[in-house]
Amino acid sequence: MRIGDLAHATGVNRRLLRYYEEQGLLRPVRLANGYREYADQDVAAVRHIRTLLAAGLPTAVIARLLHCVHEDGERLVPSACPVMIDNLRHERTRITETITQLQASQQVLDEMLDTALSARGSDQ
């Protein structure tokens, strides 16, 4: 199938599909005329990529883990790849640290906003 067909089947635009290819997540066959030819299993691969992105994984990690997942109905299930658990734990820790940093930033902004609103109220 061509890139337009894959875009239609997955709901992912062509530009993003080309980006996935650049990141090594998709590997279409290149025809003599330069067109990309995608296999039927690329539809599932794009669904897997989208799910892993939604979990907060960067494309570099997805490239290492993509072969370690499969679908069980509507659910994405990790297989027993040795790298899967370590990578998921590492990414969970990274996300937790980011959440902590964002909460600290939010607290500083809240304090600044409270101060600004208090100063504004005393000026009136």
PDB file of N, CA and C in Angstrom:
ATOM      1  N   MET A   1       0.838  -1.171   0.000  1.00  0.00           N
ATOM      2  CA  MET A   1       0.000   0.000   0.000  1.00  0.00           C
ATOM      3  C   MET A   1       0.882   1.232   0.000  1.00  0.00           C
ATOM      4  N   ARG A   2       0.399   2.292  -0.561  1.00  0.00           N
ATOM      5  CA  ARG A   2       1.139   3.551  -0.639  1.00  0.00           C
ATOM      6  C   ARG A   2       0.925   4.369   0.630  1.00  0.00           C
ATOM      7  N   ILE A   3       1.686   5.434   0.767  1.00  0.00           N
ATOM      8  CA  ILE A   3       1.641   6.242   1.979  1.00  0.00           C
ATOM      9  C   ILE A   3       0.256   6.845   2.219  1.00  0.00           C
ATOM     10  N   GLY A   4      -0.434   7.234   1.156  1.00  0.00           N
ATOM     11  CA  GLY A   4      -1.782   7.779   1.302  1.00  0.00           C
ATOM     12  C   GLY A   4      -2.747   6.742   1.848  1.00  0.00           C
ATOM     13  N   ASP A   5      -2.585   5.510   1.407  1.00  0.00           N
ATOM     14  CA  ASP A   5      -3.427   4.421   1.909  1.00  0.00           C
ATOM     15  C   ASP A   5      -3.164   4.172   3.396  1.00  0.00           C
ATOM     16  N   LEU A   6      -1.890   4.196   3.771  1.00  0.00           N
ATOM     17  CA  LEU A   6      -1.536   3.994   5.179  1.00  0.00           C
ATOM     18  C   LEU A   6      -2.058   5.151   6.027  1.00  0.00           C
ATOM     19  N   ALA A   7      -1.941   6.353   5.508  1.00  0.00           N
ATOM     20  CA  ALA A   7      -2.459   7.516   6.228  1.00  0.00           C
ATOM     21  C   ALA A   7      -3.967   7.379   6.438  1.00  0.00           C
ATOM     22  N   HIS A   8      -4.652   6.978   5.422  1.00  0.00           N
ATOM     23  CA  HIS A   8      -6.108   6.804   5.513  1.00  0.00           C
ATOM     24  C   HIS A   8      -6.470   5.681   6.490  1.00  0.00           C
ATOM     25  N   ALA A   9      -5.742   4.570   6.432  1.00  0.00           N
ATOM     26  CA  ALA A   9      -6.036   3.412   7.286  1.00  0.00           C
ATOM     27  C   ALA A   9      -5.748   3.679   8.761  1.00  0.00           C
ATOM     28  N   THR A  10      -4.802   4.574   9.042  1.00  0.00           N
ATOM     29  CA  THR A  10      -4.385   4.801  10.432  1.00  0.00           C
ATOM     30  C   THR A  10      -4.856   6.132  11.002  1.00  0.00           C
ATOM     31  N   GLY A  11      -5.250   7.054  10.129  1.00  0.00           N
ATOM     32  CA  GLY A  11      -5.615   8.389  10.593  1.00  0.00           C
ATOM     33  C   GLY A  11      -4.414   9.255  10.921  1.00  0.00           C
ATOM     34  N   VAL A  12      -3.246   8.837  10.496  1.00  0.00           N
ATOM     35  CA  VAL A  12      -2.002   9.572  10.736  1.00  0.00           C
ATOM     36  C   VAL A  12      -1.579  10.216   9.420  1.00  0.00           C
ATOM     37  N   ASN A  13      -1.241  11.509   9.462  1.00  0.00           N
ATOM     38  CA  ASN A  13      -0.936  12.180   8.205  1.00  0.00           C
ATOM     39  C   ASN A  13       0.396  11.715   7.610  1.00  0.00           C
ATOM     40  N   ARG A  14       0.537  11.965   6.333  1.00  0.00           N
ATOM     41  CA  ARG A  14       1.710  11.495   5.572  1.00  0.00           C
ATOM     42  C   ARG A  14       3.019  12.030   6.134  1.00  0.00           C
ATOM     43  N   ARG A  15       3.002  13.284   6.536  1.00  0.00           N
ATOM     44  CA  ARG A  15       4.232  13.892   7.059  1.00  0.00           C
ATOM     45  C   ARG A  15       4.708  13.145   8.306  1.00  0.00           C
ATOM     46  N   LEU A  16       3.767  12.801   9.169  1.00  0.00           N
ATOM     47  CA  LEU A  16       4.114  12.068  10.380  1.00  0.00           C
ATOM     48  C   LEU A  16       4.598  10.655  10.054  1.00  0.00           C
ATOM     49  N   LEU A  17       3.996  10.028   9.063  1.00  0.00           N
ATOM     50  CA  LEU A  17       4.461   8.698   8.644  1.00  0.00           C
ATOM     51  C   LEU A  17       5.885   8.774   8.109  1.00  0.00           C
ATOM     52  N   ARG A  18       6.212   9.830   7.371  1.00  0.00           N
ATOM     53  CA  ARG A  18       7.591  10.006   6.894  1.00  0.00           C
ATOM     54  C   ARG A  18       8.547  10.232   8.071  1.00  0.00           C
ATOM     55  N   TYR A  19       8.069  10.976   9.080  1.00  0.00           N
ATOM     56  CA  TYR A  19       8.883  11.185  10.287  1.00  0.00           C
ATOM     57  C   TYR A  19       9.153   9.843  10.980  1.00  0.00           C
ATOM     58  N   TYR A  20       8.128   9.007  11.091  1.00  0.00           N
ATOM     59  CA  TYR A  20       8.328   7.682  11.697  1.00  0.00           C
ATOM     60  C   TYR A  20       9.378   6.890  10.918  1.00  0.00           C
ATOM     61  N   GLU A  21       9.353   7.028   9.617  1.00  0.00           N
ATOM     62  CA  GLU A  21      10.363   6.356   8.796  1.00  0.00           C
ATOM     63  C   GLU A  21      11.753   6.913   9.093  1.00  0.00           C
ATOM     64  N   GLU A  22      11.876   8.239   9.177  1.00  0.00           N
ATOM     65  CA  GLU A  22      13.163   8.864   9.489  1.00  0.00           C
ATOM     66  C   GLU A  22      13.715   8.386  10.828  1.00  0.00           C
ATOM     67  N   GLN A  23      12.803   8.130  11.768  1.00  0.00           N
ATOM     68  CA  GLN A  23      13.208   7.682  13.100  1.00  0.00           C
ATOM     69  C   GLN A  23      13.456   6.177  13.163  1.00  0.00           C
ATOM     70  N   GLY A  24      13.279   5.482  12.059  1.00  0.00           N
ATOM     71  CA  GLY A  24      13.516   4.042  12.009  1.00  0.00           C
ATOM     72  C   GLY A  24      12.371   3.208  12.548  1.00  0.00           C
ATOM     73  N   LEU A  25      11.197   3.826  12.715  1.00  0.00           N
ATOM     74  CA  LEU A  25      10.053   3.104  13.254  1.00  0.00           C
ATOM     75  C   LEU A  25       9.298   2.341  12.174  1.00  0.00           C
ATOM     76  N   LEU A  26       9.312   2.855  10.967  1.00  0.00           N
ATOM     77  CA  LEU A  26       8.709   2.185   9.815  1.00  0.00           C
ATOM     78  C   LEU A  26       9.790   2.000   8.769  1.00  0.00           C
ATOM     79  N   ARG A  27       9.714   0.902   8.056  1.00  0.00           N
ATOM     80  CA  ARG A  27      10.718   0.617   7.022  1.00  0.00           C
ATOM     81  C   ARG A  27      10.023   0.167   5.739  1.00  0.00           C
ATOM     82  N   PRO A  28       9.417   1.104   5.031  1.00  0.00           N
ATOM     83  CA  PRO A  28       8.745   0.715   3.789  1.00  0.00           C
ATOM     84  C   PRO A  28       9.758   0.336   2.721  1.00  0.00           C
ATOM     85  N   VAL A  29       9.305  -0.467   1.793  1.00  0.00           N
ATOM     86  CA  VAL A  29      10.120  -0.809   0.633  1.00  0.00           C
ATOM     87  C   VAL A  29      10.074   0.384  -0.313  1.00  0.00           C
ATOM     88  N   ARG A  30      11.189   0.712  -0.915  1.00  0.00           N
ATOM     89  CA  ARG A  30      11.220   1.780  -1.908  1.00  0.00           C
ATOM     90  C   ARG A  30      11.152   1.149  -3.291  1.00  0.00           C
ATOM     91  N   LEU A  31      10.168   1.556  -4.043  1.00  0.00           N
ATOM     92  CA  LEU A  31      10.005   1.058  -5.405  1.00  0.00           C
ATOM     93  C   LEU A  31      10.987   1.766  -6.329  1.00  0.00           C
ATOM     94  N   ALA A  32      11.144   1.263  -7.529  1.00  0.00           N
ATOM     95  CA  ALA A  32      12.069   1.841  -8.496  1.00  0.00           C
ATOM     96  C   ALA A  32      11.755   3.317  -8.769  1.00  0.00           C
ATOM     97  N   ASN A  33      10.478   3.676  -8.702  1.00  0.00           N
ATOM     98  CA  ASN A  33      10.092   5.054  -8.954  1.00  0.00           C
ATOM     99  C   ASN A  33      10.238   5.943  -7.708  1.00  0.00           C
ATOM    100  N   GLY A  34      10.741   5.379  -6.604  1.00  0.00           N
ATOM    101  CA  GLY A  34      10.963   6.139  -5.379  1.00  0.00           C
ATOM    102  C   GLY A  34       9.787   6.139  -4.415  1.00  0.00           C
ATOM    103  N   TYR A  35       8.661   5.608  -4.845  1.00  0.00           N
ATOM    104  CA  TYR A  35       7.482   5.555  -3.978  1.00  0.00           C
ATOM    105  C   TYR A  35       7.716   4.577  -2.833  1.00  0.00           C
ATOM    106  N   ARG A  36       7.110   4.882  -1.715  1.00  0.00           N
ATOM    107  CA  ARG A  36       7.153   3.983  -0.570  1.00  0.00           C
ATOM    108  C   ARG A  36       6.037   2.949  -0.722  1.00  0.00           C
ATOM    109  N   GLU A  37       6.355   1.718  -0.387  1.00  0.00           N
ATOM    110  CA  GLU A  37       5.359   0.649  -0.402  1.00  0.00           C
ATOM    111  C   GLU A  37       5.313   0.046   1.006  1.00  0.00           C
ATOM    112  N   TYR A  38       4.159   0.207   1.638  1.00  0.00           N
ATOM    113  CA  TYR A  38       3.976  -0.277   3.004  1.00  0.00           C
ATOM    114  C   TYR A  38       3.275  -1.628   3.004  1.00  0.00           C
ATOM    115  N   ALA A  39       3.594  -2.438   3.988  1.00  0.00           N
ATOM    116  CA  ALA A  39       2.971  -3.757   4.144  1.00  0.00           C
ATOM    117  C   ALA A  39       1.735  -3.624   5.038  1.00  0.00           C
ATOM    118  N   ASP A  40       0.880  -4.611   4.995  1.00  0.00           N
ATOM    119  CA  ASP A  40      -0.323  -4.603   5.826  1.00  0.00           C
ATOM    120  C   ASP A  40       0.010  -4.492   7.319  1.00  0.00           C
ATOM    121  N   GLN A  41       1.103  -5.109   7.743  1.00  0.00           N
ATOM    122  CA  GLN A  41       1.464  -5.066   9.166  1.00  0.00           C
ATOM    123  C   GLN A  41       1.909  -3.676   9.623  1.00  0.00           C
ATOM    124  N   ASP A  42       2.182  -2.767   8.674  1.00  0.00           N
ATOM    125  CA  ASP A  42       2.538  -1.402   9.041  1.00  0.00           C
ATOM    126  C   ASP A  42       1.357  -0.652   9.652  1.00  0.00           C
ATOM    127  N   VAL A  43       0.141  -1.059   9.331  1.00  0.00           N
ATOM    128  CA  VAL A  43      -1.040  -0.448   9.953  1.00  0.00           C
ATOM    129  C   VAL A  43      -0.998  -0.710  11.457  1.00  0.00           C
ATOM    130  N   ALA A  44      -0.733  -1.945  11.842  1.00  0.00           N
ATOM    131  CA  ALA A  44      -0.619  -2.286  13.265  1.00  0.00           C
ATOM    132  C   ALA A  44       0.584  -1.588  13.889  1.00  0.00           C
ATOM    133  N   ALA A  45       1.696  -1.520  13.157  1.00  0.00           N
ATOM    134  CA  ALA A  45       2.890  -0.856  13.683  1.00  0.00           C
ATOM    135  C   ALA A  45       2.603   0.605  14.009  1.00  0.00           C
ATOM    136  N   VAL A  46       1.856   1.284  13.145  1.00  0.00           N
ATOM    137  CA  VAL A  46       1.520   2.690  13.399  1.00  0.00           C
ATOM    138  C   VAL A  46       0.633   2.794  14.639  1.00  0.00           C
ATOM    139  N   ARG A  47      -0.303   1.890  14.810  1.00  0.00           N
ATOM    140  CA  ARG A  47      -1.136   1.893  16.022  1.00  0.00           C
ATOM    141  C   ARG A  47      -0.263   1.694  17.267  1.00  0.00           C
ATOM    142  N   HIS A  48       0.701   0.802  17.174  1.00  0.00           N
ATOM    143  CA  HIS A  48       1.609   0.562  18.297  1.00  0.00           C
ATOM    144  C   HIS A  48       2.423   1.814  18.600  1.00  0.00           C
ATOM    145  N   ILE A  49       2.947   2.428  17.563  1.00  0.00           N
ATOM    146  CA  ILE A  49       3.738   3.652  17.731  1.00  0.00           C
ATOM    147  C   ILE A  49       2.905   4.718  18.433  1.00  0.00           C
ATOM    148  N   ARG A  50       1.673   4.909  17.982  1.00  0.00           N
ATOM    149  CA  ARG A  50       0.796   5.938  18.565  1.00  0.00           C
ATOM    150  C   ARG A  50       0.514   5.635  20.045  1.00  0.00           C
ATOM    151  N   THR A  51       0.316   4.385  20.376  1.00  0.00           N
ATOM    152  CA  THR A  51       0.057   4.014  21.771  1.00  0.00           C
ATOM    153  C   THR A  51       1.287   4.273  22.627  1.00  0.00           C
ATOM    154  N   LEU A  52       2.456   3.900  22.130  1.00  0.00           N
ATOM    155  CA  LEU A  52       3.689   4.105  22.885  1.00  0.00           C
ATOM    156  C   LEU A  52       4.009   5.590  23.030  1.00  0.00           C
ATOM    157  N   LEU A  53       3.722   6.382  21.997  1.00  0.00           N
ATOM    158  CA  LEU A  53       3.885   7.837  22.109  1.00  0.00           C
ATOM    159  C   LEU A  53       2.938   8.402  23.161  1.00  0.00           C
ATOM    160  N   ALA A  54       1.708   7.908  23.187  1.00  0.00           N
ATOM    161  CA  ALA A  54       0.729   8.374  24.173  1.00  0.00           C
ATOM    162  C   ALA A  54       1.174   8.025  25.596  1.00  0.00           C
ATOM    163  N   ALA A  55       1.971   6.972  25.741  1.00  0.00           N
ATOM    164  CA  ALA A  55       2.507   6.594  27.051  1.00  0.00           C
ATOM    165  C   ALA A  55       3.687   7.478  27.452  1.00  0.00           C
ATOM    166  N   GLY A  56       4.078   8.384  26.565  1.00  0.00           N
ATOM    167  CA  GLY A  56       5.165   9.308  26.884  1.00  0.00           C
ATOM    168  C   GLY A  56       6.542   8.846  26.460  1.00  0.00           C
ATOM    169  N   LEU A  57       6.614   7.766  25.688  1.00  0.00           N
ATOM    170  CA  LEU A  57       7.924   7.264  25.260  1.00  0.00           C
ATOM    171  C   LEU A  57       8.439   8.060  24.067  1.00  0.00           C
ATOM    172  N   PRO A  58       9.707   8.430  24.086  1.00  0.00           N
ATOM    173  CA  PRO A  58      10.295   9.094  22.921  1.00  0.00           C
ATOM    174  C   PRO A  58      10.521   8.087  21.784  1.00  0.00           C
ATOM    175  N   THR A  59      10.629   8.599  20.578  1.00  0.00           N
ATOM    176  CA  THR A  59      10.762   7.714  19.416  1.00  0.00           C
ATOM    177  C   THR A  59      12.015   6.840  19.481  1.00  0.00           C
ATOM    178  N   ALA A  60      13.083   7.331  20.096  1.00  0.00           N
ATOM    179  CA  ALA A  60      14.301   6.509  20.206  1.00  0.00           C
ATOM    180  C   ALA A  60      14.037   5.260  21.037  1.00  0.00           C
ATOM    181  N   VAL A  61      13.256   5.397  22.086  1.00  0.00           N
ATOM    182  CA  VAL A  61      12.911   4.243  22.925  1.00  0.00           C
ATOM    183  C   VAL A  61      11.925   3.343  22.171  1.00  0.00           C
ATOM    184  N   ILE A  62      10.977   3.952  21.500  1.00  0.00           N
ATOM    185  CA  ILE A  62      10.009   3.172  20.730  1.00  0.00           C
ATOM    186  C   ILE A  62      10.727   2.315  19.693  1.00  0.00           C
ATOM    187  N   ALA A  63      11.748   2.847  19.073  1.00  0.00           N
ATOM    188  CA  ALA A  63      12.502   2.089  18.071  1.00  0.00           C
ATOM    189  C   ALA A  63      13.105   0.829  18.688  1.00  0.00           C
ATOM    190  N   ARG A  64      13.509   0.913  19.946  1.00  0.00           N
ATOM    191  CA  ARG A  64      14.093  -0.251  20.616  1.00  0.00           C
ATOM    192  C   ARG A  64      13.034  -1.250  21.077  1.00  0.00           C
ATOM    193  N   LEU A  65      11.803  -0.766  21.313  1.00  0.00           N
ATOM    194  CA  LEU A  65      10.779  -1.611  21.919  1.00  0.00           C
ATOM    195  C   LEU A  65       9.675  -2.060  20.978  1.00  0.00           C
ATOM    196  N   LEU A  66       9.595  -1.472  19.814  1.00  0.00           N
ATOM    197  CA  LEU A  66       8.462  -1.727  18.928  1.00  0.00           C
ATOM    198  C   LEU A  66       8.279  -3.210  18.618  1.00  0.00           C
ATOM    199  N   HIS A  67       9.383  -3.907  18.456  1.00  0.00           N
ATOM    200  CA  HIS A  67       9.288  -5.343  18.149  1.00  0.00           C
ATOM    201  C   HIS A  67       8.861  -6.168  19.370  1.00  0.00           C
ATOM    202  N   CYS A  68       8.778  -5.532  20.531  1.00  0.00           N
ATOM    203  CA  CYS A  68       8.441  -6.229  21.774  1.00  0.00           C
ATOM    204  C   CYS A  68       6.967  -6.126  22.153  1.00  0.00           C
ATOM    205  N   VAL A  69       6.147  -5.578  21.273  1.00  0.00           N
ATOM    206  CA  VAL A  69       4.728  -5.436  21.611  1.00  0.00           C
ATOM    207  C   VAL A  69       3.866  -6.084  20.538  1.00  0.00           C
ATOM    208  N   HIS A  70       2.675  -6.488  20.952  1.00  0.00           N
ATOM    209  CA  HIS A  70       1.691  -7.030  20.022  1.00  0.00           C
ATOM    210  C   HIS A  70       0.307  -6.655  20.534  1.00  0.00           C
ATOM    211  N   GLU A  71      -0.674  -6.833  19.696  1.00  0.00           N
ATOM    212  CA  GLU A  71      -2.037  -6.486  20.073  1.00  0.00           C
ATOM    213  C   GLU A  71      -2.770  -7.708  20.597  1.00  0.00           C
ATOM    214  N   ASP A  72      -3.576  -7.458  21.614  1.00  0.00           N
ATOM    215  CA  ASP A  72      -4.492  -8.468  22.129  1.00  0.00           C
ATOM    216  C   ASP A  72      -5.865  -7.806  22.110  1.00  0.00           C
ATOM    217  N   GLY A  73      -6.533  -7.910  20.980  1.00  0.00           N
ATOM    218  CA  GLY A  73      -7.778  -7.169  20.793  1.00  0.00           C
ATOM    219  C   GLY A  73      -7.464  -5.694  20.637  1.00  0.00           C
ATOM    220  N   GLU A  74      -8.012  -4.877  21.508  1.00  0.00           N
ATOM    221  CA  GLU A  74      -7.777  -3.428  21.470  1.00  0.00           C
ATOM    222  C   GLU A  74      -6.586  -3.007  22.327  1.00  0.00           C
ATOM    223  N   ARG A  75      -6.015  -3.931  23.041  1.00  0.00           N
ATOM    224  CA  ARG A  75      -4.963  -3.624  24.008  1.00  0.00           C
ATOM    225  C   ARG A  75      -3.578  -3.952  23.465  1.00  0.00           C
ATOM    226  N   LEU A  76      -2.608  -3.086  23.760  1.00  0.00           N
ATOM    227  CA  LEU A  76      -1.219  -3.330  23.387  1.00  0.00           C
ATOM    228  C   LEU A  76      -0.555  -4.087  24.530  1.00  0.00           C
ATOM    229  N   VAL A  77       0.055  -5.221  24.211  1.00  0.00           N
ATOM    230  CA  VAL A  77       0.631  -6.093  25.233  1.00  0.00           C
ATOM    231  C   VAL A  77       2.136  -6.233  24.988  1.00  0.00           C
ATOM    232  N   PRO A  78       2.936  -5.957  26.028  1.00  0.00           N
ATOM    233  CA  PRO A  78       4.379  -6.168  25.880  1.00  0.00           C
ATOM    234  C   PRO A  78       4.712  -7.652  25.966  1.00  0.00           C
ATOM    235  N   SER A  79       5.661  -8.073  25.159  1.00  0.00           N
ATOM    236  CA  SER A  79       6.121  -9.458  25.242  1.00  0.00           C
ATOM    237  C   SER A  79       7.311  -9.506  26.192  1.00  0.00           C
ATOM    238  N   ALA A  80       7.875 -10.660  26.339  1.00  0.00           N
ATOM    239  CA  ALA A  80       8.940 -10.856  27.323  1.00  0.00           C
ATOM    240  C   ALA A  80      10.317 -10.485  26.773  1.00  0.00           C
ATOM    241  N   CYS A  81      10.424  -9.384  26.092  1.00  0.00           N
ATOM    242  CA  CYS A  81      11.736  -8.921  25.627  1.00  0.00           C
ATOM    243  C   CYS A  81      12.571  -8.481  26.822  1.00  0.00           C
ATOM    244  N   PRO A  82      13.833  -8.849  26.850  1.00  0.00           N
ATOM    245  CA  PRO A  82      14.680  -8.479  27.994  1.00  0.00           C
ATOM    246  C   PRO A  82      14.783  -6.966  28.199  1.00  0.00           C
ATOM    247  N   VAL A  83      14.762  -6.184  27.137  1.00  0.00           N
ATOM    248  CA  VAL A  83      14.946  -4.738  27.265  1.00  0.00           C
ATOM    249  C   VAL A  83      13.672  -4.009  27.669  1.00  0.00           C
ATOM    250  N   MET A  84      12.536  -4.669  27.551  1.00  0.00           N
ATOM    251  CA  MET A  84      11.249  -4.004  27.764  1.00  0.00           C
ATOM    252  C   MET A  84      11.117  -3.442  29.172  1.00  0.00           C
ATOM    253  N   ILE A  85      11.292  -4.265  30.176  1.00  0.00           N
ATOM    254  CA  ILE A  85      11.064  -3.827  31.557  1.00  0.00           C
ATOM    255  C   ILE A  85      12.034  -2.727  31.948  1.00  0.00           C
ATOM    256  N   ASP A  86      13.308  -2.888  31.626  1.00  0.00           N
ATOM    257  CA  ASP A  86      14.291  -1.858  31.978  1.00  0.00           C
ATOM    258  C   ASP A  86      13.966  -0.524  31.304  1.00  0.00           C
ATOM    259  N   ASN A  87      13.613  -0.576  30.042  1.00  0.00           N
ATOM    260  CA  ASN A  87      13.285   0.659  29.329  1.00  0.00           C
ATOM    261  C   ASN A  87      12.019   1.307  29.889  1.00  0.00           C
ATOM    262  N   LEU A  88      11.004   0.514  30.171  1.00  0.00           N
ATOM    263  CA  LEU A  88       9.769   1.072  30.725  1.00  0.00           C
ATOM    264  C   LEU A  88      10.007   1.668  32.110  1.00  0.00           C
ATOM    265  N   ARG A  89      10.793   1.001  32.917  1.00  0.00           N
ATOM    266  CA  ARG A  89      11.115   1.551  34.248  1.00  0.00           C
ATOM    267  C   ARG A  89      11.885   2.868  34.124  1.00  0.00           C
ATOM    268  N   HIS A  90      12.850   2.890  33.234  1.00  0.00           N
ATOM    269  CA  HIS A  90      13.642   4.116  33.030  1.00  0.00           C
ATOM    270  C   HIS A  90      12.741   5.265  32.587  1.00  0.00           C
ATOM    271  N   GLU A  91      11.860   5.003  31.630  1.00  0.00           N
ATOM    272  CA  GLU A  91      10.974   6.054  31.132  1.00  0.00           C
ATOM    273  C   GLU A  91       9.974   6.492  32.190  1.00  0.00           C
ATOM    274  N   ARG A  92       9.502   5.566  33.003  1.00  0.00           N
ATOM    275  CA  ARG A  92       8.586   5.927  34.088  1.00  0.00           C
ATOM    276  C   ARG A  92       9.281   6.841  35.072  1.00  0.00           C
ATOM    277  N   THR A  93      10.523   6.538  35.412  1.00  0.00           N
ATOM    278  CA  THR A  93      11.302   7.392  36.315  1.00  0.00           C
ATOM    279  C   THR A  93      11.497   8.773  35.706  1.00  0.00           C
ATOM    280  N   ARG A  94      11.825   8.819  34.426  1.00  0.00           N
ATOM    281  CA  ARG A  94      12.015  10.102  33.733  1.00  0.00           C
ATOM    282  C   ARG A  94      10.740  10.928  33.770  1.00  0.00           C
ATOM    283  N   ILE A  95       9.610  10.298  33.505  1.00  0.00           N
ATOM    284  CA  ILE A  95       8.330  11.004  33.506  1.00  0.00           C
ATOM    285  C   ILE A  95       7.983  11.475  34.914  1.00  0.00           C
ATOM    286  N   THR A  96       8.234  10.649  35.913  1.00  0.00           N
ATOM    287  CA  THR A  96       7.973  11.034  37.298  1.00  0.00           C
ATOM    288  C   THR A  96       8.806  12.254  37.682  1.00  0.00           C
ATOM    289  N   GLU A  97      10.072  12.268  37.287  1.00  0.00           N
ATOM    290  CA  GLU A  97      10.934  13.426  37.566  1.00  0.00           C
ATOM    291  C   GLU A  97      10.429  14.676  36.857  1.00  0.00           C
ATOM    292  N   THR A  98       9.965  14.516  35.642  1.00  0.00           N
ATOM    293  CA  THR A  98       9.418  15.650  34.898  1.00  0.00           C
ATOM    294  C   THR A  98       8.160  16.186  35.576  1.00  0.00           C
ATOM    295  N   ILE A  99       7.302  15.293  36.034  1.00  0.00           N
ATOM    296  CA  ILE A  99       6.087  15.709  36.747  1.00  0.00           C
ATOM    297  C   ILE A  99       6.457  16.489  38.001  1.00  0.00           C
ATOM    298  N   THR A 100       7.442  16.007  38.741  1.00  0.00           N
ATOM    299  CA  THR A 100       7.896  16.691  39.953  1.00  0.00           C
ATOM    300  C   THR A 100       8.400  18.089  39.625  1.00  0.00           C
ATOM    301  N   GLN A 101       9.184  18.212  38.556  1.00  0.00           N
ATOM    302  CA  GLN A 101       9.692  19.521  38.142  1.00  0.00           C
ATOM    303  C   GLN A 101       8.559  20.448  37.718  1.00  0.00           C
ATOM    304  N   LEU A 102       7.596  19.916  36.992  1.00  0.00           N
ATOM    305  CA  LEU A 102       6.459  20.722  36.563  1.00  0.00           C
ATOM    306  C   LEU A 102       5.611  21.167  37.754  1.00  0.00           C
ATOM    307  N   GLN A 103       5.443  20.314  38.743  1.00  0.00           N
ATOM    308  CA  GLN A 103       4.687  20.691  39.934  1.00  0.00           C
ATOM    309  C   GLN A 103       5.403  21.796  40.703  1.00  0.00           C
ATOM    310  N   ALA A 104       6.728  21.734  40.768  1.00  0.00           N
ATOM    311  CA  ALA A 104       7.497  22.800  41.416  1.00  0.00           C
ATOM    312  C   ALA A 104       7.337  24.110  40.650  1.00  0.00           C
ATOM    313  N   SER A 105       7.378  24.039  39.331  1.00  0.00           N
ATOM    314  CA  SER A 105       7.170  25.235  38.507  1.00  0.00           C
ATOM    315  C   SER A 105       5.773  25.794  38.716  1.00  0.00           C
ATOM    316  N   GLN A 106       4.802  24.914  38.793  1.00  0.00           N
ATOM    317  CA  GLN A 106       3.423  25.343  39.014  1.00  0.00           C
ATOM    318  C   GLN A 106       3.286  26.055  40.361  1.00  0.00           C
ATOM    319  N   GLN A 107       3.949  25.543  41.366  1.00  0.00           N
ATOM    320  CA  GLN A 107       3.888  26.155  42.687  1.00  0.00           C
ATOM    321  C   GLN A 107       4.490  27.563  42.657  1.00  0.00           C
ATOM    322  N   VAL A 108       5.623  27.726  41.987  1.00  0.00           N
ATOM    323  CA  VAL A 108       6.247  29.045  41.871  1.00  0.00           C
ATOM    324  C   VAL A 108       5.309  30.001  41.132  1.00  0.00           C
ATOM    325  N   LEU A 109       4.711  29.536  40.041  1.00  0.00           N
ATOM    326  CA  LEU A 109       3.771  30.382  39.299  1.00  0.00           C
ATOM    327  C   LEU A 109       2.554  30.754  40.142  1.00  0.00           C
ATOM    328  N   ASP A 110       2.044  29.786  40.901  1.00  0.00           N
ATOM    329  CA  ASP A 110       0.905  30.067  41.781  1.00  0.00           C
ATOM    330  C   ASP A 110       1.254  31.147  42.799  1.00  0.00           C
ATOM    331  N   GLU A 111       2.451  31.048  43.379  1.00  0.00           N
ATOM    332  CA  GLU A 111       2.890  32.055  44.354  1.00  0.00           C
ATOM    333  C   GLU A 111       3.023  33.424  43.696  1.00  0.00           C
ATOM    334  N   MET A 112       3.584  33.454  42.478  1.00  0.00           N
ATOM    335  CA  MET A 112       3.730  34.722  41.759  1.00  0.00           C
ATOM    336  C   MET A 112       2.364  35.307  41.423  1.00  0.00           C
ATOM    337  N   LEU A 113       1.460  34.466  40.996  1.00  0.00           N
ATOM    338  CA  LEU A 113       0.115  34.917  40.661  1.00  0.00           C
ATOM    339  C   LEU A 113      -0.605  35.442  41.898  1.00  0.00           C
ATOM    340  N   ASP A 114      -0.500  34.728  43.018  1.00  0.00           N
ATOM    341  CA  ASP A 114      -1.101  35.182  44.271  1.00  0.00           C
ATOM    342  C   ASP A 114      -0.548  36.548  44.673  1.00  0.00           C
ATOM    343  N   THR A 115       0.771  36.710  44.573  1.00  0.00           N
ATOM    344  CA  THR A 115       1.406  37.974  44.920  1.00  0.00           C
ATOM    345  C   THR A 115       0.920  39.089  44.000  1.00  0.00           C
ATOM    346  N   ALA A 116       0.868  38.797  42.706  1.00  0.00           N
ATOM    347  CA  ALA A 116       0.408  39.804  41.731  1.00  0.00           C
ATOM    348  C   ALA A 116      -1.030  40.198  41.978  1.00  0.00           C
ATOM    349  N   LEU A 117      -1.860  39.223  42.279  1.00  0.00           N
ATOM    350  CA  LEU A 117      -3.278  39.517  42.545  1.00  0.00           C
ATOM    351  C   LEU A 117      -3.449  40.287  43.851  1.00  0.00           C
ATOM    352  N   SER A 118      -2.649  39.960  44.850  1.00  0.00           N
ATOM    353  CA  SER A 118      -2.718  40.686  46.117  1.00  0.00           C
ATOM    354  C   SER A 118      -2.286  42.128  45.931  1.00  0.00           C
ATOM    355  N   ALA A 119      -1.200  42.335  45.179  1.00  0.00           N
ATOM    356  CA  ALA A 119      -0.708  43.697  44.921  1.00  0.00           C
ATOM    357  C   ALA A 119      -1.726  44.483  44.117  1.00  0.00           C
ATOM    358  N   ARG A 120      -2.354  43.856  43.205  1.00  0.00           N
ATOM    359  CA  ARG A 120      -3.374  44.504  42.385  1.00  0.00           C
ATOM    360  C   ARG A 120      -4.578  44.907  43.230  1.00  0.00           C
ATOM    361  N   GLY A 121      -4.951  44.014  44.150  1.00  0.00           N
ATOM    362  CA  GLY A 121      -6.080  44.298  45.043  1.00  0.00           C
ATOM    363  C   GLY A 121      -5.790  45.448  45.984  1.00  0.00           C
ATOM    364  N   SER A 122      -4.536  45.603  46.454  1.00  0.00           N
ATOM    365  CA  SER A 122      -4.217  46.687  47.372  1.00  0.00           C
ATOM    366  C   SER A 122      -4.068  48.019  46.662  1.00  0.00           C
ATOM    367  N   ASP A 123      -3.898  47.994  45.340  1.00  0.00           N
ATOM    368  CA  ASP A 123      -3.799  49.226  44.551  1.00  0.00           C
ATOM    369  C   ASP A 123      -5.169  49.843  44.276  1.00  0.00           C
ATOM    370  N   GLN A 124      -6.208  49.046  44.396  1.00  0.00           N
ATOM    371  CA  GLN A 124      -7.531  49.552  44.034  1.00  0.00           C
ATOM    372  C   GLN A 124      -8.198  50.242  45.164  1.00  0.00           C
TER     373      GLN A 124
END
